Amino acid sequence: MVEELTRVSRGERSAGRPGRAVLPPALRAWLGTVAVLAALVTGALGVVYAGGGEPGGVDAWVPVGSSGRDAALAVDFLGEPVGAAVLVLVAVTGCLLGRWARAAVLVVAGTGLAVGITKLLKPLVGRTIHGDANLSYPSGHTAFLTAFALVGALVVTGRLGLGRTAGLSLVLAAALVAGGAMGWAQVTLGAHYPTDVLGGWCTALAVIPVTAWAVDAGWRRRL
C-alpha cells in the first residue's frame, strides 16, 4: 500500500497536481468552526449522559417507530465491519485510479479515526442501552458513515474545484444525509438513543476537518 501511494503521489506531481488539498482552502475556516462546535457538543452530551442507562429528555422528543426494519438493517450493514471495509476499499481504489493518493489516505485515516474515537469515548462516558454490557455513546456506526460521506464530499469538492458556497453546501448536505440515514437506522433497530446518534454525527464533524488538515500538512512536508 505504501509503495502504491508513493507511486500515485509521483504521478500527481508529474501531472502538475502537487498542491491539490483534500481540505479546500476556501472551506478551512468554515469547517474549522464546525469542527470546534461539533467537538463541544460531543463533549457536552457525554458529560450530561455519563453513566446513564435510560433515554434522556431530548431522546423523548424523537418519535421511534418499528416500521422500515428491513431498510434499517440494510443501512446498518454499511456500518458493520464487512460493509464498512467494502466502502473504504472501493473509495481508496477510486482515489488511486484517479491518481490522488492524498485523498486515499484521508479515506482510511478519517474514517478510522472517527470510529476509533467513538470506541475510546464509550467506556469514558459509560452510557449503556439494553444492559450494562452495551455501551452506546457515541454511535460508531453513525460516526463512520458520516465521516465517509464527509470525505467523499471533500474529494468531490476538490476534484470539481467548487467554490466556498457550493463546496460547503455539498459537504454539510452529505453529512446530514448520511448521518440522518444511519441515525434513523440505529434508533429504529434499538441499538442507540437519538442522542447517541447525535454524538456520533458530531464526532465525525469534529474529526474529518482536522484529519484533512493534518493530511495536507503532512503531505506538504513530505514533498
C-alpha atoms as a PDB file:
ATOM      1  CA  MET A   1       0.000   0.000   0.000  1.00  0.00           C
ATOM      2  CA  VAL A   2       2.827   2.444   0.873  1.00  0.00           C
ATOM      3  CA  GLU A   3       4.572   1.761  -2.448  1.00  0.00           C
ATOM      4  CA  GLU A   4       1.307   2.273  -4.316  1.00  0.00           C
ATOM      5  CA  LEU A   5       0.636   5.588  -2.569  1.00  0.00           C
ATOM      6  CA  THR A   6       4.205   6.709  -3.328  1.00  0.00           C
ATOM      7  CA  ARG A   7       3.789   5.815  -6.998  1.00  0.00           C
ATOM      8  CA  VAL A   8       0.496   7.681  -7.239  1.00  0.00           C
ATOM      9  CA  SER A   9       1.989  10.647  -5.415  1.00  0.00           C
ATOM     10  CA  ARG A  10       4.741  10.840  -8.023  1.00  0.00           C
ATOM     11  CA  GLY A  11       2.058  10.628 -10.682  1.00  0.00           C
ATOM     12  CA  GLU A  12       0.302  13.616  -9.099  1.00  0.00           C
ATOM     13  CA  ARG A  13       3.480  15.655  -9.251  1.00  0.00           C
ATOM     14  CA  SER A  14       4.221  14.663 -12.830  1.00  0.00           C
ATOM     15  CA  ALA A  15       0.673  15.607 -13.795  1.00  0.00           C
ATOM     16  CA  GLY A  16       1.107  19.025 -12.255  1.00  0.00           C
ATOM     17  CA  ARG A  17      -1.179  18.435  -9.291  1.00  0.00           C
ATOM     18  CA  PRO A  18       1.181  18.514  -6.277  1.00  0.00           C
ATOM     19  CA  GLY A  19      -0.813  21.112  -4.391  1.00  0.00           C
ATOM     20  CA  ARG A  20      -4.325  19.682  -4.561  1.00  0.00           C
ATOM     21  CA  ALA A  21      -5.523  19.794  -0.967  1.00  0.00           C
ATOM     22  CA  VAL A  22      -8.110  17.428   0.449  1.00  0.00           C
ATOM     23  CA  LEU A  23      -9.310  20.306   2.621  1.00  0.00           C
ATOM     24  CA  PRO A  24     -10.031  23.080   0.111  1.00  0.00           C
ATOM     25  CA  PRO A  25      -8.604  26.432   1.300  1.00  0.00           C
ATOM     26  CA  ALA A  26     -11.973  28.134   0.810  1.00  0.00           C
ATOM     27  CA  LEU A  27     -13.573  25.778   3.338  1.00  0.00           C
ATOM     28  CA  ARG A  28     -10.876  25.652   6.013  1.00  0.00           C
ATOM     29  CA  ALA A  29     -12.159  28.422   8.248  1.00  0.00           C
ATOM     30  CA  TRP A  30     -15.785  27.340   7.966  1.00  0.00           C
ATOM     31  CA  LEU A  31     -15.141  23.652   8.560  1.00  0.00           C
ATOM     32  CA  GLY A  32     -12.720  24.507  11.336  1.00  0.00           C
ATOM     33  CA  THR A  33     -15.520  26.343  13.103  1.00  0.00           C
ATOM     34  CA  VAL A  34     -17.872  23.421  12.517  1.00  0.00           C
ATOM     35  CA  ALA A  35     -15.278  21.037  13.958  1.00  0.00           C
ATOM     36  CA  VAL A  36     -14.893  23.076  17.142  1.00  0.00           C
ATOM     37  CA  LEU A  37     -18.642  23.365  17.686  1.00  0.00           C
ATOM     38  CA  ALA A  38     -19.131  19.655  16.977  1.00  0.00           C
ATOM     39  CA  ALA A  39     -16.423  18.720  19.468  1.00  0.00           C
ATOM     40  CA  LEU A  40     -18.082  20.880  22.128  1.00  0.00           C
ATOM     41  CA  VAL A  41     -21.457  19.242  21.511  1.00  0.00           C
ATOM     42  CA  THR A  42     -19.930  15.760  21.658  1.00  0.00           C
ATOM     43  CA  GLY A  43     -18.233  16.552  24.941  1.00  0.00           C
ATOM     44  CA  ALA A  44     -21.279  18.230  26.452  1.00  0.00           C
ATOM     45  CA  LEU A  45     -23.565  15.323  25.620  1.00  0.00           C
ATOM     46  CA  GLY A  46     -21.009  12.912  27.018  1.00  0.00           C
ATOM     47  CA  VAL A  47     -20.976  14.785  30.321  1.00  0.00           C
ATOM     48  CA  VAL A  48     -24.762  15.030  30.518  1.00  0.00           C
ATOM     49  CA  TYR A  49     -25.394  11.350  29.824  1.00  0.00           C
ATOM     50  CA  ALA A  50     -22.324   9.885  31.519  1.00  0.00           C
ATOM     51  CA  GLY A  51     -23.102   6.685  33.401  1.00  0.00           C
ATOM     52  CA  GLY A  52     -26.744   6.657  32.342  1.00  0.00           C
ATOM     53  CA  GLY A  53     -28.748   3.708  31.165  1.00  0.00           C
ATOM     54  CA  GLU A  54     -32.032   5.317  30.178  1.00  0.00           C
ATOM     55  CA  PRO A  55     -33.172   7.687  27.422  1.00  0.00           C
ATOM     56  CA  GLY A  56     -32.844  11.336  28.356  1.00  0.00           C
ATOM     57  CA  GLY A  57     -35.275  14.181  27.973  1.00  0.00           C
ATOM     58  CA  VAL A  58     -34.033  15.046  24.487  1.00  0.00           C
ATOM     59  CA  ASP A  59     -34.415  11.425  23.411  1.00  0.00           C
ATOM     60  CA  ALA A  60     -38.109  11.541  24.292  1.00  0.00           C
ATOM     61  CA  TRP A  61     -38.655  14.272  21.700  1.00  0.00           C
ATOM     62  CA  VAL A  62     -37.728  11.925  18.860  1.00  0.00           C
ATOM     63  CA  PRO A  63     -40.518   9.572  17.743  1.00  0.00           C
ATOM     64  CA  VAL A  64     -39.297   5.999  17.478  1.00  0.00           C
ATOM     65  CA  GLY A  65     -41.104   3.538  15.206  1.00  0.00           C
ATOM     66  CA  SER A  66     -40.529  -0.044  14.199  1.00  0.00           C
ATOM     67  CA  SER A  67     -41.550   0.319  10.552  1.00  0.00           C
ATOM     68  CA  GLY A  68     -38.903   0.028   7.880  1.00  0.00           C
ATOM     69  CA  ARG A  69     -36.836  -2.501   9.794  1.00  0.00           C
ATOM     70  CA  ASP A  70     -35.529  -4.187   6.633  1.00  0.00           C
ATOM     71  CA  ALA A  71     -34.321  -0.863   5.269  1.00  0.00           C
ATOM     72  CA  ALA A  72     -32.765  -0.049   8.632  1.00  0.00           C
ATOM     73  CA  LEU A  73     -30.870  -3.336   8.596  1.00  0.00           C
ATOM     74  CA  ALA A  74     -29.565  -2.572   5.105  1.00  0.00           C
ATOM     75  CA  VAL A  75     -28.282   0.830   6.197  1.00  0.00           C
ATOM     76  CA  ASP A  76     -26.886  -0.625   9.403  1.00  0.00           C
ATOM     77  CA  PHE A  77     -24.800  -3.095   7.345  1.00  0.00           C
ATOM     78  CA  LEU A  78     -22.841  -0.161   5.921  1.00  0.00           C
ATOM     79  CA  GLY A  79     -21.503   0.493   9.408  1.00  0.00           C
ATOM     80  CA  GLU A  80     -20.688  -3.132  10.155  1.00  0.00           C
ATOM     81  CA  PRO A  81     -17.060  -4.280   9.678  1.00  0.00           C
ATOM     82  CA  VAL A  82     -17.692  -6.004   6.336  1.00  0.00           C
ATOM     83  CA  GLY A  83     -19.868  -3.262   4.885  1.00  0.00           C
ATOM     84  CA  ALA A  84     -17.542  -0.509   6.082  1.00  0.00           C
ATOM     85  CA  ALA A  85     -14.492  -2.321   4.695  1.00  0.00           C
ATOM     86  CA  VAL A  86     -16.135  -2.627   1.283  1.00  0.00           C
ATOM     87  CA  LEU A  87     -16.989   1.078   1.202  1.00  0.00           C
ATOM     88  CA  VAL A  88     -13.460   2.084   2.207  1.00  0.00           C
ATOM     89  CA  LEU A  89     -11.846  -0.312  -0.267  1.00  0.00           C
ATOM     90  CA  VAL A  90     -13.967   0.977  -3.150  1.00  0.00           C
ATOM     91  CA  ALA A  91     -13.233   4.600  -2.221  1.00  0.00           C
ATOM     92  CA  VAL A  92      -9.493   4.027  -1.857  1.00  0.00           C
ATOM     93  CA  THR A  93      -9.370   2.201  -5.183  1.00  0.00           C
ATOM     94  CA  GLY A  94     -11.204   5.073  -6.863  1.00  0.00           C
ATOM     95  CA  CYS A  95      -8.774   7.614  -5.400  1.00  0.00           C
ATOM     96  CA  LEU A  96      -5.751   5.612  -6.533  1.00  0.00           C
ATOM     97  CA  LEU A  97      -7.170   5.151 -10.029  1.00  0.00           C
ATOM     98  CA  GLY A  98      -7.766   8.896 -10.079  1.00  0.00           C
ATOM     99  CA  ARG A  99      -4.108   9.398  -9.099  1.00  0.00           C
ATOM    100  CA  TRP A 100      -4.962  11.228  -5.894  1.00  0.00           C
ATOM    101  CA  ALA A 101      -3.058   9.400  -3.168  1.00  0.00           C
ATOM    102  CA  ARG A 102      -3.694  12.122  -0.614  1.00  0.00           C
ATOM    103  CA  ALA A 103      -7.439  11.523  -0.857  1.00  0.00           C
ATOM    104  CA  ALA A 104      -6.898   7.774  -0.393  1.00  0.00           C
ATOM    105  CA  VAL A 105      -5.013   8.477   2.827  1.00  0.00           C
ATOM    106  CA  LEU A 106      -7.850  10.688   4.053  1.00  0.00           C
ATOM    107  CA  VAL A 107     -10.426   7.968   3.375  1.00  0.00           C
ATOM    108  CA  VAL A 108      -8.557   5.499   5.578  1.00  0.00           C
ATOM    109  CA  ALA A 109      -7.343   7.906   8.241  1.00  0.00           C
ATOM    110  CA  GLY A 110     -10.558   9.915   8.506  1.00  0.00           C
ATOM    111  CA  THR A 111     -12.981   7.027   8.839  1.00  0.00           C
ATOM    112  CA  GLY A 112     -10.587   5.086  11.052  1.00  0.00           C
ATOM    113  CA  LEU A 113     -10.079   7.957  13.468  1.00  0.00           C
ATOM    114  CA  ALA A 114     -13.787   8.753  13.647  1.00  0.00           C
ATOM    115  CA  VAL A 115     -14.625   5.179  14.622  1.00  0.00           C
ATOM    116  CA  GLY A 116     -11.602   4.896  16.887  1.00  0.00           C
ATOM    117  CA  ILE A 117     -12.568   7.972  18.875  1.00  0.00           C
ATOM    118  CA  THR A 118     -16.082   6.645  19.444  1.00  0.00           C
ATOM    119  CA  LYS A 119     -14.543   3.444  20.815  1.00  0.00           C
ATOM    120  CA  LEU A 120     -12.376   5.483  23.180  1.00  0.00           C
ATOM    121  CA  LEU A 121     -15.279   7.649  24.324  1.00  0.00           C
ATOM    122  CA  LYS A 122     -17.725   4.827  25.045  1.00  0.00           C
ATOM    123  CA  PRO A 123     -16.001   3.475  28.187  1.00  0.00           C
ATOM    124  CA  LEU A 124     -15.189   7.011  29.331  1.00  0.00           C
ATOM    125  CA  VAL A 125     -18.823   8.119  29.108  1.00  0.00           C
ATOM    126  CA  GLY A 126     -20.211   4.794  30.286  1.00  0.00           C
ATOM    127  CA  ARG A 127     -23.708   5.236  28.916  1.00  0.00           C
ATOM    128  CA  THR A 128     -25.491   1.949  28.258  1.00  0.00           C
ATOM    129  CA  ILE A 129     -28.537   0.606  26.470  1.00  0.00           C
ATOM    130  CA  HIS A 130     -30.237  -2.779  26.994  1.00  0.00           C
ATOM    131  CA  GLY A 131     -27.947  -3.698  29.858  1.00  0.00           C
ATOM    132  CA  ASP A 132     -24.621  -2.680  31.363  1.00  0.00           C
ATOM    133  CA  ALA A 133     -22.601  -4.533  28.717  1.00  0.00           C
ATOM    134  CA  ASN A 134     -23.899  -2.432  25.823  1.00  0.00           C
ATOM    135  CA  LEU A 135     -22.056   0.893  25.731  1.00  0.00           C
ATOM    136  CA  SER A 136     -23.938   3.270  23.491  1.00  0.00           C
ATOM    137  CA  TYR A 137     -22.467   6.797  23.425  1.00  0.00           C
ATOM    138  CA  PRO A 138     -21.454   7.892  20.856  1.00  0.00           C
ATOM    139  CA  SER A 139     -22.717   5.827  17.923  1.00  0.00           C
ATOM    140  CA  GLY A 140     -19.792   4.375  15.977  1.00  0.00           C
ATOM    141  CA  HIS A 141     -21.981   3.391  13.033  1.00  0.00           C
ATOM    142  CA  THR A 142     -23.211   6.969  12.661  1.00  0.00           C
ATOM    143  CA  ALA A 143     -19.699   8.365  13.033  1.00  0.00           C
ATOM    144  CA  PHE A 144     -18.373   6.060  10.316  1.00  0.00           C
ATOM    145  CA  LEU A 145     -20.981   6.726   7.650  1.00  0.00           C
ATOM    146  CA  THR A 146     -20.957  10.461   8.341  1.00  0.00           C
ATOM    147  CA  ALA A 147     -17.161  10.530   8.153  1.00  0.00           C
ATOM    148  CA  PHE A 148     -17.206   8.530   4.922  1.00  0.00           C
ATOM    149  CA  ALA A 149     -19.728  10.930   3.375  1.00  0.00           C
ATOM    150  CA  LEU A 150     -17.735  13.943   4.518  1.00  0.00           C
ATOM    151  CA  VAL A 151     -14.556  12.605   2.952  1.00  0.00           C
ATOM    152  CA  GLY A 152     -16.402  11.822  -0.269  1.00  0.00           C
ATOM    153  CA  ALA A 153     -17.851  15.332  -0.397  1.00  0.00           C
ATOM    154  CA  LEU A 154     -14.427  16.883   0.209  1.00  0.00           C
ATOM    155  CA  VAL A 155     -12.948  14.776  -2.584  1.00  0.00           C
ATOM    156  CA  VAL A 156     -15.699  15.810  -4.999  1.00  0.00           C
ATOM    157  CA  THR A 157     -15.312  19.446  -3.978  1.00  0.00           C
ATOM    158  CA  GLY A 158     -11.588  19.339  -4.643  1.00  0.00           C
ATOM    159  CA  ARG A 159     -11.905  17.388  -7.875  1.00  0.00           C
ATOM    160  CA  LEU A 160     -14.518  19.740  -9.326  1.00  0.00           C
ATOM    161  CA  GLY A 161     -12.916  22.880  -7.899  1.00  0.00           C
ATOM    162  CA  LEU A 162     -16.145  24.018  -6.255  1.00  0.00           C
ATOM    163  CA  GLY A 163     -16.230  27.384  -4.557  1.00  0.00           C
ATOM    164  CA  ARG A 164     -16.941  28.115  -0.926  1.00  0.00           C
ATOM    165  CA  THR A 165     -20.741  28.204  -1.111  1.00  0.00           C
ATOM    166  CA  ALA A 166     -21.178  25.157  -3.345  1.00  0.00           C
ATOM    167  CA  GLY A 167     -18.461  23.184  -1.582  1.00  0.00           C
ATOM    168  CA  LEU A 168     -19.692  23.902   1.926  1.00  0.00           C
ATOM    169  CA  SER A 169     -23.270  23.132   0.909  1.00  0.00           C
ATOM    170  CA  LEU A 170     -22.213  19.797  -0.568  1.00  0.00           C
ATOM    171  CA  VAL A 171     -20.135  18.814   2.473  1.00  0.00           C
ATOM    172  CA  LEU A 172     -22.812  19.673   5.024  1.00  0.00           C
ATOM    173  CA  ALA A 173     -25.594  18.101   2.944  1.00  0.00           C
ATOM    174  CA  ALA A 174     -23.608  14.870   2.615  1.00  0.00           C
ATOM    175  CA  ALA A 175     -23.028  14.773   6.371  1.00  0.00           C
ATOM    176  CA  LEU A 176     -26.689  15.429   7.085  1.00  0.00           C
ATOM    177  CA  VAL A 177     -27.989  12.776   4.685  1.00  0.00           C
ATOM    178  CA  ALA A 178     -25.516  10.065   5.693  1.00  0.00           C
ATOM    179  CA  GLY A 179     -25.754  10.808   9.411  1.00  0.00           C
ATOM    180  CA  GLY A 180     -29.526  11.071   9.252  1.00  0.00           C
ATOM    181  CA  ALA A 181     -29.881   7.759   7.431  1.00  0.00           C
ATOM    182  CA  MET A 182     -27.607   5.830   9.767  1.00  0.00           C
ATOM    183  CA  GLY A 183     -29.022   7.568  12.819  1.00  0.00           C
ATOM    184  CA  TRP A 184     -32.549   6.611  11.813  1.00  0.00           C
ATOM    185  CA  ALA A 185     -31.434   3.024  11.320  1.00  0.00           C
ATOM    186  CA  GLN A 186     -29.741   2.830  14.726  1.00  0.00           C
ATOM    187  CA  VAL A 187     -32.729   4.274  16.573  1.00  0.00           C
ATOM    188  CA  THR A 188     -35.204   2.117  14.635  1.00  0.00           C
ATOM    189  CA  LEU A 189     -33.217  -1.016  15.465  1.00  0.00           C
ATOM    190  CA  GLY A 190     -32.994  -0.005  19.107  1.00  0.00           C
ATOM    191  CA  ALA A 191     -29.196  -0.013  19.015  1.00  0.00           C
ATOM    192  CA  HIS A 192     -28.801   3.599  20.158  1.00  0.00           C
ATOM    193  CA  TYR A 193     -30.634   6.501  21.735  1.00  0.00           C
ATOM    194  CA  PRO A 194     -31.135   9.559  19.489  1.00  0.00           C
ATOM    195  CA  THR A 195     -28.542  11.493  21.494  1.00  0.00           C
ATOM    196  CA  ASP A 196     -26.029   8.677  20.883  1.00  0.00           C
ATOM    197  CA  VAL A 197     -26.592   9.215  17.192  1.00  0.00           C
ATOM    198  CA  LEU A 198     -26.105  12.965  17.555  1.00  0.00           C
ATOM    199  CA  GLY A 199     -22.859  12.335  19.407  1.00  0.00           C
ATOM    200  CA  GLY A 200     -21.595  10.054  16.642  1.00  0.00           C
ATOM    201  CA  TRP A 201     -22.564  12.588  13.985  1.00  0.00           C
ATOM    202  CA  CYS A 202     -20.761  15.383  15.783  1.00  0.00           C
ATOM    203  CA  THR A 203     -17.716  13.175  16.312  1.00  0.00           C
ATOM    204  CA  ALA A 204     -17.328  12.805  12.551  1.00  0.00           C
ATOM    205  CA  LEU A 205     -17.850  16.535  12.006  1.00  0.00           C
ATOM    206  CA  ALA A 206     -15.112  17.240  14.542  1.00  0.00           C
ATOM    207  CA  VAL A 207     -12.639  14.645  13.264  1.00  0.00           C
ATOM    208  CA  ILE A 208     -12.722  14.909   9.481  1.00  0.00           C
ATOM    209  CA  PRO A 209     -11.770  18.596   9.005  1.00  0.00           C
ATOM    210  CA  VAL A 210      -8.871  18.203  11.451  1.00  0.00           C
ATOM    211  CA  THR A 211      -7.717  14.976   9.808  1.00  0.00           C
ATOM    212  CA  ALA A 212      -7.923  16.518   6.341  1.00  0.00           C
ATOM    213  CA  TRP A 213      -5.856  19.490   7.514  1.00  0.00           C
ATOM    214  CA  ALA A 214      -3.276  17.147   9.055  1.00  0.00           C
ATOM    215  CA  VAL A 215      -3.047  15.068   5.856  1.00  0.00           C
ATOM    216  CA  ASP A 216      -2.467  18.211   3.797  1.00  0.00           C
ATOM    217  CA  ALA A 217       0.164  19.489   6.224  1.00  0.00           C
ATOM    218  CA  GLY A 218       1.965  16.157   6.299  1.00  0.00           C
ATOM    219  CA  TRP A 219       1.872  15.881   2.527  1.00  0.00           C
ATOM    220  CA  ARG A 220       3.401  19.336   2.087  1.00  0.00           C
ATOM    221  CA  ARG A 221       6.255  18.474   4.450  1.00  0.00           C
ATOM    222  CA  ARG A 222       6.801  15.149   2.680  1.00  0.00           C
ATOM    223  CA  LEU A 223       7.016  16.813  -0.737  1.00  0.00           C
END
